[in-house]
Amino acid sequence: MRPPRMLHLPCALGLLLGAASGQVQIQPLMELAGQTSEPSLSPDGKTIAFNWCKPDYSCGIYTRPLAGGTVQLFAEQNAVMGFANSPRWSPDGRTIALTRFYSHYDVHLVVRGFAAEAELDLGGVCWGQATWSPDGRFVVASRQEKTLATLRIFDG
């Protein structure tokens, strides 16, 4: 797997507001004990990746076919690996970017192939989500060093 390049943007909060049109219907997708968050649908629409913290406080990123089936652990959380959060699929659906939270000041962006490959650490980022470029060559995430925001492109 050729590592994607990572583009860092200053930490910022942005809100996009849009007018809702038509009817919205909400239906449960799956019911799991505990708390789920950060859903990300694969580009082909067949698989969903999401954060899941079970009632026993074991957490990680899990996947499941959208049509139903078994929930599979994708990225675990432990003292060494850190807290896995915010899964985001690459445009080709072969890779997922996620953040690893080690402490308030130590959060890393990592990418991992969906076919159970090893994680590739792309470096420190701000807490939050990453976004892929449409061609999958770049992963965009926020980064801040000391009090100055930086803009960087990493080419692995």
N, C-alpha and C. Protein backbone atom coordinates (compact mmCIF):
# COMPACT_ATOMS: atom_id res chain seq x y z
N MET A 1 0.85 -1.17 0.00
CA MET A 1 0.00 0.00 0.00
C MET A 1 0.89 1.23 0.00
N ARG A 2 0.78 2.05 -1.02
CA ARG A 2 1.52 3.30 -1.08
C ARG A 2 0.91 4.28 -0.09
N PRO A 3 1.70 4.84 0.84
CA PRO A 3 1.11 5.73 1.83
C PRO A 3 0.58 7.00 1.20
N PRO A 4 -0.61 7.43 1.63
CA PRO A 4 -1.15 8.69 1.10
C PRO A 4 -0.39 9.86 1.70
N ARG A 5 -0.47 10.98 1.03
CA ARG A 5 0.12 12.19 1.58
C ARG A 5 -0.91 12.83 2.49
N MET A 6 -0.42 13.53 3.52
CA MET A 6 -1.33 14.13 4.46
C MET A 6 -1.19 15.64 4.40
N LEU A 7 -2.29 16.32 4.27
CA LEU A 7 -2.33 17.77 4.25
C LEU A 7 -2.89 18.24 5.57
N HIS A 8 -2.14 19.06 6.30
CA HIS A 8 -2.59 19.57 7.59
C HIS A 8 -3.15 20.97 7.43
N LEU A 9 -4.25 21.23 8.09
CA LEU A 9 -4.85 22.55 8.12
C LEU A 9 -4.88 23.03 9.56
N PRO A 10 -4.94 24.34 9.79
CA PRO A 10 -5.02 24.84 11.16
C PRO A 10 -6.28 24.31 11.85
N CYS A 11 -6.19 24.12 13.17
CA CYS A 11 -7.36 23.69 13.92
C CYS A 11 -8.45 24.73 13.76
N ALA A 12 -9.62 24.29 13.41
CA ALA A 12 -10.73 25.21 13.21
C ALA A 12 -12.02 24.43 13.34
N LEU A 13 -13.07 25.16 13.64
CA LEU A 13 -14.38 24.56 13.70
C LEU A 13 -15.21 25.19 12.62
N GLY A 14 -15.79 24.39 11.78
CA GLY A 14 -16.61 24.91 10.69
C GLY A 14 -17.99 24.30 10.73
N LEU A 15 -18.96 25.09 10.41
CA LEU A 15 -20.33 24.61 10.35
C LEU A 15 -20.88 24.87 8.96
N LEU A 16 -21.49 23.90 8.39
CA LEU A 16 -22.15 24.06 7.11
C LEU A 16 -23.64 23.92 7.35
N LEU A 17 -24.37 24.93 6.99
CA LEU A 17 -25.80 24.91 7.19
C LEU A 17 -26.48 24.82 5.84
N GLY A 18 -27.45 23.97 5.72
CA GLY A 18 -28.18 23.83 4.46
C GLY A 18 -29.66 23.72 4.72
N ALA A 19 -30.42 24.11 3.76
CA ALA A 19 -31.87 24.02 3.89
C ALA A 19 -32.30 22.58 3.65
N ALA A 20 -33.16 22.10 4.52
CA ALA A 20 -33.68 20.74 4.35
C ALA A 20 -34.87 20.79 3.41
N SER A 21 -34.91 19.84 2.52
CA SER A 21 -36.05 19.78 1.62
C SER A 21 -36.60 18.37 1.62
N GLY A 22 -37.90 18.27 1.54
CA GLY A 22 -38.52 16.96 1.48
C GLY A 22 -38.66 16.34 2.85
N GLN A 23 -39.10 15.11 2.85
CA GLN A 23 -39.33 14.36 4.08
C GLN A 23 -38.07 13.60 4.47
N VAL A 24 -37.83 13.51 5.75
CA VAL A 24 -36.72 12.74 6.28
C VAL A 24 -37.30 11.60 7.10
N GLN A 25 -36.83 10.41 6.82
CA GLN A 25 -37.30 9.24 7.56
C GLN A 25 -36.10 8.60 8.25
N ILE A 26 -36.20 8.41 9.54
CA ILE A 26 -35.12 7.81 10.31
C ILE A 26 -35.50 6.39 10.68
N GLN A 27 -34.59 5.45 10.38
CA GLN A 27 -34.82 4.05 10.70
C GLN A 27 -33.57 3.50 11.38
N PRO A 28 -33.73 2.65 12.39
CA PRO A 28 -32.56 2.05 13.04
C PRO A 28 -31.78 1.19 12.05
N LEU A 29 -30.49 1.31 12.08
CA LEU A 29 -29.63 0.50 11.21
C LEU A 29 -29.21 -0.77 11.93
N MET A 30 -28.84 -0.62 13.20
CA MET A 30 -28.48 -1.77 14.03
C MET A 30 -28.63 -1.36 15.48
N GLU A 31 -28.86 -2.31 16.34
CA GLU A 31 -28.97 -2.04 17.75
C GLU A 31 -27.87 -2.79 18.47
N LEU A 32 -26.99 -2.02 19.11
CA LEU A 32 -25.87 -2.60 19.84
C LEU A 32 -25.89 -2.03 21.25
N ALA A 33 -25.56 -2.85 22.23
CA ALA A 33 -25.47 -2.38 23.61
C ALA A 33 -24.26 -1.46 23.73
N GLY A 34 -24.41 -0.38 24.43
CA GLY A 34 -23.32 0.58 24.58
C GLY A 34 -23.56 1.79 23.72
N GLN A 35 -22.50 2.42 23.30
CA GLN A 35 -22.60 3.66 22.53
C GLN A 35 -21.87 3.54 21.20
N THR A 36 -22.54 3.92 20.12
CA THR A 36 -21.92 3.96 18.81
C THR A 36 -21.85 5.41 18.34
N SER A 37 -20.85 5.71 17.50
CA SER A 37 -20.70 7.06 16.96
C SER A 37 -19.82 7.03 15.72
N GLU A 38 -19.70 8.17 15.07
CA GLU A 38 -18.79 8.38 13.94
C GLU A 38 -18.99 7.39 12.80
N PRO A 39 -20.20 7.15 12.33
CA PRO A 39 -20.38 6.20 11.23
C PRO A 39 -19.76 6.72 9.94
N SER A 40 -19.20 5.81 9.16
CA SER A 40 -18.63 6.14 7.87
C SER A 40 -18.98 5.02 6.89
N LEU A 41 -19.67 5.38 5.83
CA LEU A 41 -20.12 4.41 4.84
C LEU A 41 -19.05 4.23 3.76
N SER A 42 -18.77 2.98 3.40
CA SER A 42 -17.78 2.71 2.35
C SER A 42 -18.26 3.30 1.04
N PRO A 43 -17.33 3.64 0.12
CA PRO A 43 -17.72 4.24 -1.15
C PRO A 43 -18.70 3.40 -1.98
N ASP A 44 -18.62 2.07 -1.86
CA ASP A 44 -19.56 1.23 -2.61
C ASP A 44 -20.90 1.07 -1.88
N GLY A 45 -21.01 1.65 -0.69
CA GLY A 45 -22.26 1.59 0.06
C GLY A 45 -22.56 0.25 0.69
N LYS A 46 -21.58 -0.65 0.76
CA LYS A 46 -21.85 -2.00 1.26
C LYS A 46 -21.42 -2.23 2.71
N THR A 47 -20.53 -1.39 3.24
CA THR A 47 -19.99 -1.61 4.58
C THR A 47 -19.97 -0.30 5.36
N ILE A 48 -20.25 -0.40 6.65
CA ILE A 48 -20.20 0.76 7.51
C ILE A 48 -19.11 0.54 8.56
N ALA A 49 -18.31 1.57 8.81
CA ALA A 49 -17.31 1.56 9.88
C ALA A 49 -17.80 2.56 10.92
N PHE A 50 -17.58 2.26 12.19
CA PHE A 50 -18.09 3.12 13.26
C PHE A 50 -17.34 2.87 14.56
N ASN A 51 -17.39 3.84 15.46
CA ASN A 51 -16.86 3.67 16.81
C ASN A 51 -17.92 2.94 17.64
N TRP A 52 -17.46 2.03 18.49
CA TRP A 52 -18.39 1.35 19.40
C TRP A 52 -17.72 1.17 20.74
N CYS A 53 -18.32 1.72 21.79
CA CYS A 53 -17.90 1.48 23.17
C CYS A 53 -18.96 0.61 23.81
N LYS A 54 -18.57 -0.58 24.17
CA LYS A 54 -19.49 -1.55 24.75
C LYS A 54 -19.78 -1.20 26.21
N PRO A 55 -20.80 -1.81 26.81
CA PRO A 55 -21.12 -1.52 28.21
C PRO A 55 -19.96 -1.78 29.18
N ASP A 56 -19.03 -2.69 28.81
CA ASP A 56 -17.87 -2.95 29.68
C ASP A 56 -16.74 -1.96 29.43
N TYR A 57 -16.99 -0.91 28.63
CA TYR A 57 -16.06 0.17 28.30
C TYR A 57 -14.92 -0.26 27.37
N SER A 58 -15.03 -1.43 26.77
CA SER A 58 -14.07 -1.79 25.72
C SER A 58 -14.55 -1.10 24.44
N CYS A 59 -13.64 -0.39 23.80
CA CYS A 59 -14.01 0.42 22.64
C CYS A 59 -13.11 0.09 21.46
N GLY A 60 -13.54 0.50 20.29
CA GLY A 60 -12.75 0.32 19.09
C GLY A 60 -13.54 0.75 17.88
N ILE A 61 -12.94 0.55 16.73
CA ILE A 61 -13.63 0.79 15.47
C ILE A 61 -14.06 -0.55 14.93
N TYR A 62 -15.32 -0.64 14.54
CA TYR A 62 -15.91 -1.87 14.06
C TYR A 62 -16.47 -1.65 12.66
N THR A 63 -16.65 -2.74 11.94
CA THR A 63 -17.29 -2.69 10.63
C THR A 63 -18.40 -3.72 10.59
N ARG A 64 -19.34 -3.49 9.69
CA ARG A 64 -20.42 -4.43 9.47
C ARG A 64 -20.99 -4.20 8.08
N PRO A 65 -21.34 -5.27 7.37
CA PRO A 65 -22.03 -5.06 6.10
C PRO A 65 -23.32 -4.27 6.34
N LEU A 66 -23.60 -3.34 5.47
CA LEU A 66 -24.78 -2.50 5.62
C LEU A 66 -26.06 -3.32 5.56
N ALA A 67 -26.05 -4.38 4.77
CA ALA A 67 -27.23 -5.23 4.63
C ALA A 67 -27.48 -6.11 5.85
N GLY A 68 -26.54 -6.11 6.80
CA GLY A 68 -26.67 -6.94 8.00
C GLY A 68 -25.54 -7.94 8.06
N GLY A 69 -25.42 -8.57 9.18
CA GLY A 69 -24.36 -9.56 9.36
C GLY A 69 -23.58 -9.30 10.63
N THR A 70 -22.43 -9.91 10.70
CA THR A 70 -21.61 -9.87 11.90
C THR A 70 -20.82 -8.57 12.00
N VAL A 71 -20.78 -8.01 13.19
CA VAL A 71 -19.95 -6.85 13.49
C VAL A 71 -18.53 -7.35 13.72
N GLN A 72 -17.55 -6.75 13.03
CA GLN A 72 -16.15 -7.17 13.12
C GLN A 72 -15.29 -6.05 13.69
N LEU A 73 -14.38 -6.40 14.60
CA LEU A 73 -13.42 -5.43 15.13
C LEU A 73 -12.44 -5.06 14.03
N PHE A 74 -12.25 -3.77 13.77
CA PHE A 74 -11.28 -3.31 12.77
C PHE A 74 -10.04 -2.73 13.43
N ALA A 75 -10.22 -1.88 14.44
CA ALA A 75 -9.08 -1.26 15.13
C ALA A 75 -9.40 -1.22 16.62
N GLU A 76 -8.59 -1.92 17.39
CA GLU A 76 -8.87 -2.00 18.82
C GLU A 76 -8.27 -0.84 19.58
N GLN A 77 -8.67 -0.75 20.81
CA GLN A 77 -8.15 0.26 21.73
C GLN A 77 -7.50 -0.47 22.88
N ASN A 78 -6.30 0.00 23.26
CA ASN A 78 -5.66 -0.50 24.49
C ASN A 78 -4.61 0.52 24.92
N ALA A 79 -3.94 0.25 26.02
CA ALA A 79 -2.99 1.22 26.56
C ALA A 79 -1.86 1.53 25.59
N VAL A 80 -1.44 0.56 24.80
CA VAL A 80 -0.35 0.77 23.86
C VAL A 80 -0.85 1.41 22.56
N MET A 81 -1.97 0.90 22.04
CA MET A 81 -2.48 1.36 20.75
C MET A 81 -3.20 2.70 20.83
N GLY A 82 -3.68 3.09 21.99
CA GLY A 82 -4.43 4.33 22.12
C GLY A 82 -5.88 4.15 21.70
N PHE A 83 -6.66 5.19 21.88
CA PHE A 83 -8.08 5.18 21.57
C PHE A 83 -8.28 5.41 20.07
N ALA A 84 -8.93 4.48 19.39
CA ALA A 84 -9.19 4.59 17.95
C ALA A 84 -10.49 5.35 17.75
N ASN A 85 -10.49 6.30 16.81
CA ASN A 85 -11.65 7.16 16.63
C ASN A 85 -11.76 7.63 15.18
N SER A 86 -12.93 8.04 14.80
CA SER A 86 -13.21 8.75 13.55
C SER A 86 -12.77 8.01 12.28
N PRO A 87 -13.32 6.83 12.01
CA PRO A 87 -12.93 6.13 10.78
C PRO A 87 -13.44 6.87 9.54
N ARG A 88 -12.60 6.94 8.50
CA ARG A 88 -12.98 7.56 7.23
C ARG A 88 -12.42 6.73 6.09
N TRP A 89 -13.31 6.25 5.21
CA TRP A 89 -12.92 5.41 4.08
C TRP A 89 -12.19 6.21 3.01
N SER A 90 -11.21 5.59 2.38
CA SER A 90 -10.59 6.16 1.19
C SER A 90 -11.56 6.03 0.02
N PRO A 91 -11.39 6.85 -1.02
CA PRO A 91 -12.32 6.78 -2.15
C PRO A 91 -12.40 5.42 -2.83
N ASP A 92 -11.32 4.65 -2.81
CA ASP A 92 -11.36 3.32 -3.44
C ASP A 92 -11.88 2.24 -2.50
N GLY A 93 -12.14 2.59 -1.23
CA GLY A 93 -12.69 1.64 -0.28
C GLY A 93 -11.71 0.61 0.25
N ARG A 94 -10.43 0.77 -0.05
CA ARG A 94 -9.43 -0.21 0.39
C ARG A 94 -8.72 0.18 1.67
N THR A 95 -8.86 1.45 2.09
CA THR A 95 -8.12 1.97 3.24
C THR A 95 -9.04 2.80 4.12
N ILE A 96 -8.80 2.76 5.42
CA ILE A 96 -9.53 3.61 6.36
C ILE A 96 -8.53 4.47 7.12
N ALA A 97 -8.78 5.77 7.14
CA ALA A 97 -8.01 6.69 7.99
C ALA A 97 -8.73 6.80 9.32
N LEU A 98 -7.97 6.88 10.41
CA LEU A 98 -8.55 7.03 11.74
C LEU A 98 -7.58 7.79 12.62
N THR A 99 -8.07 8.30 13.72
CA THR A 99 -7.18 8.96 14.67
C THR A 99 -6.94 8.02 15.84
N ARG A 100 -5.75 8.11 16.39
CA ARG A 100 -5.36 7.37 17.60
C ARG A 100 -5.08 8.41 18.68
N PHE A 101 -5.87 8.38 19.74
CA PHE A 101 -5.77 9.32 20.84
C PHE A 101 -4.97 8.67 21.96
N TYR A 102 -3.75 9.20 22.22
CA TYR A 102 -2.91 8.68 23.30
C TYR A 102 -3.04 9.54 24.55
N SER A 103 -3.20 10.85 24.37
CA SER A 103 -3.43 11.79 25.46
C SER A 103 -4.01 13.05 24.83
N HIS A 104 -4.38 14.02 25.67
CA HIS A 104 -4.97 15.25 25.16
C HIS A 104 -4.06 15.95 24.14
N TYR A 105 -2.75 15.80 24.32
CA TYR A 105 -1.79 16.48 23.44
C TYR A 105 -1.09 15.54 22.48
N ASP A 106 -1.52 14.32 22.42
CA ASP A 106 -0.85 13.35 21.55
C ASP A 106 -1.89 12.52 20.79
N VAL A 107 -2.30 13.05 19.62
CA VAL A 107 -3.27 12.40 18.76
C VAL A 107 -2.61 12.19 17.40
N HIS A 108 -2.69 11.01 16.84
CA HIS A 108 -2.05 10.71 15.56
C HIS A 108 -3.08 10.27 14.53
N LEU A 109 -2.81 10.61 13.28
CA LEU A 109 -3.60 10.12 12.17
C LEU A 109 -2.91 8.87 11.64
N VAL A 110 -3.66 7.79 11.50
CA VAL A 110 -3.11 6.55 10.95
C VAL A 110 -4.03 6.08 9.83
N VAL A 111 -3.47 5.32 8.93
CA VAL A 111 -4.25 4.69 7.87
C VAL A 111 -3.98 3.19 7.93
N ARG A 112 -4.99 2.44 7.53
CA ARG A 112 -4.87 0.98 7.57
C ARG A 112 -5.73 0.40 6.46
N GLY A 113 -5.17 -0.55 5.75
CA GLY A 113 -5.91 -1.23 4.72
C GLY A 113 -7.08 -2.01 5.30
N PHE A 114 -8.19 -2.03 4.60
CA PHE A 114 -9.38 -2.74 5.07
C PHE A 114 -9.12 -4.25 5.14
N ALA A 115 -8.15 -4.74 4.38
CA ALA A 115 -7.82 -6.17 4.37
C ALA A 115 -6.84 -6.51 5.50
N ALA A 116 -7.05 -5.92 6.70
CA ALA A 116 -6.29 -6.25 7.91
C ALA A 116 -4.79 -6.01 7.79
N GLU A 117 -4.38 -4.98 7.09
CA GLU A 117 -2.97 -4.64 7.00
C GLU A 117 -2.54 -3.90 8.27
N ALA A 118 -1.22 -3.73 8.44
CA ALA A 118 -0.71 -2.98 9.59
C ALA A 118 -1.04 -1.50 9.43
N GLU A 119 -1.15 -0.81 10.55
CA GLU A 119 -1.42 0.62 10.52
C GLU A 119 -0.17 1.39 10.15
N LEU A 120 -0.34 2.49 9.41
CA LEU A 120 0.74 3.39 9.06
C LEU A 120 0.47 4.72 9.75
N ASP A 121 1.35 5.12 10.66
CA ASP A 121 1.19 6.36 11.43
C ASP A 121 1.68 7.53 10.57
N LEU A 122 0.79 8.50 10.31
CA LEU A 122 1.13 9.66 9.50
C LEU A 122 1.53 10.87 10.33
N GLY A 123 1.50 10.74 11.65
CA GLY A 123 1.97 11.83 12.51
C GLY A 123 0.88 12.48 13.32
N GLY A 124 1.31 13.45 14.15
CA GLY A 124 0.42 14.12 15.08
C GLY A 124 -0.58 15.05 14.40
N VAL A 125 -1.80 15.05 14.90
CA VAL A 125 -2.87 15.91 14.39
C VAL A 125 -3.68 16.41 15.58
N CYS A 126 -4.57 17.35 15.32
CA CYS A 126 -5.54 17.77 16.33
C CYS A 126 -6.62 16.71 16.44
N TRP A 127 -7.30 16.68 17.57
CA TRP A 127 -8.42 15.76 17.75
C TRP A 127 -9.48 16.08 16.72
N GLY A 128 -9.95 15.14 16.00
CA GLY A 128 -10.99 15.39 15.01
C GLY A 128 -10.92 14.42 13.87
N GLN A 129 -11.63 14.73 12.82
CA GLN A 129 -11.76 13.85 11.68
C GLN A 129 -10.80 14.20 10.57
N ALA A 130 -10.52 13.21 9.76
CA ALA A 130 -9.72 13.40 8.55
C ALA A 130 -10.64 13.27 7.34
N THR A 131 -10.21 13.80 6.22
CA THR A 131 -10.96 13.72 4.98
C THR A 131 -10.02 13.34 3.85
N TRP A 132 -10.45 12.46 2.98
CA TRP A 132 -9.66 12.05 1.82
C TRP A 132 -9.91 12.97 0.65
N SER A 133 -8.88 13.18 -0.18
CA SER A 133 -9.09 13.85 -1.45
C SER A 133 -9.83 12.87 -2.38
N PRO A 134 -10.56 13.38 -3.37
CA PRO A 134 -11.32 12.49 -4.25
C PRO A 134 -10.49 11.40 -4.93
N ASP A 135 -9.20 11.69 -5.22
CA ASP A 135 -8.37 10.68 -5.88
C ASP A 135 -7.65 9.76 -4.89
N GLY A 136 -7.81 9.99 -3.58
CA GLY A 136 -7.20 9.14 -2.56
C GLY A 136 -5.73 9.38 -2.33
N ARG A 137 -5.15 10.40 -2.95
CA ARG A 137 -3.72 10.66 -2.78
C ARG A 137 -3.41 11.45 -1.52
N PHE A 138 -4.39 12.18 -0.99
CA PHE A 138 -4.17 13.02 0.18
C PHE A 138 -5.16 12.69 1.28
N VAL A 139 -4.72 12.82 2.50
CA VAL A 139 -5.58 12.76 3.67
C VAL A 139 -5.45 14.13 4.33
N VAL A 140 -6.55 14.81 4.53
CA VAL A 140 -6.55 16.15 5.09
C VAL A 140 -6.94 16.06 6.56
N ALA A 141 -6.13 16.68 7.43
CA ALA A 141 -6.41 16.70 8.86
C ALA A 141 -5.85 17.98 9.45
N SER A 142 -6.35 18.35 10.61
CA SER A 142 -5.87 19.55 11.28
C SER A 142 -4.64 19.24 12.12
N ARG A 143 -3.76 20.24 12.20
CA ARG A 143 -2.56 20.10 13.00
C ARG A 143 -2.22 21.44 13.61
N GLN A 144 -1.75 21.43 14.84
CA GLN A 144 -1.33 22.66 15.48
C GLN A 144 -0.11 22.36 16.32
N GLU A 145 0.92 23.16 16.17
CA GLU A 145 2.14 23.00 16.96
C GLU A 145 2.29 24.23 17.85
N LYS A 146 2.46 23.98 19.12
CA LYS A 146 2.56 25.04 20.12
C LYS A 146 1.40 26.00 19.93
N THR A 147 1.63 27.25 19.63
CA THR A 147 0.52 28.18 19.45
C THR A 147 0.36 28.59 17.99
N LEU A 148 1.21 28.07 17.11
CA LEU A 148 1.12 28.44 15.70
C LEU A 148 0.51 27.31 14.89
N ALA A 149 -0.45 27.65 14.09
CA ALA A 149 -1.04 26.66 13.20
C ALA A 149 -0.11 26.47 12.00
N THR A 150 -0.06 25.26 11.49
CA THR A 150 0.83 24.97 10.37
C THR A 150 0.05 24.36 9.22
N LEU A 151 0.59 24.53 8.04
CA LEU A 151 0.02 23.91 6.84
C LEU A 151 1.14 23.08 6.23
N ARG A 152 0.95 21.76 6.16
CA ARG A 152 2.00 20.88 5.68
C ARG A 152 1.44 19.81 4.75
N ILE A 153 2.27 19.37 3.85
CA ILE A 153 1.94 18.22 3.03
C ILE A 153 3.01 17.18 3.30
N PHE A 154 2.59 15.99 3.75
CA PHE A 154 3.50 14.91 4.02
C PHE A 154 3.44 13.94 2.86
N ASP A 155 4.58 13.57 2.36
CA ASP A 155 4.66 12.60 1.29
C ASP A 155 5.45 11.42 1.83
N GLY A 156 4.72 10.34 2.14
CA GLY A 156 5.32 9.18 2.81
C GLY A 156 6.30 8.49 1.96
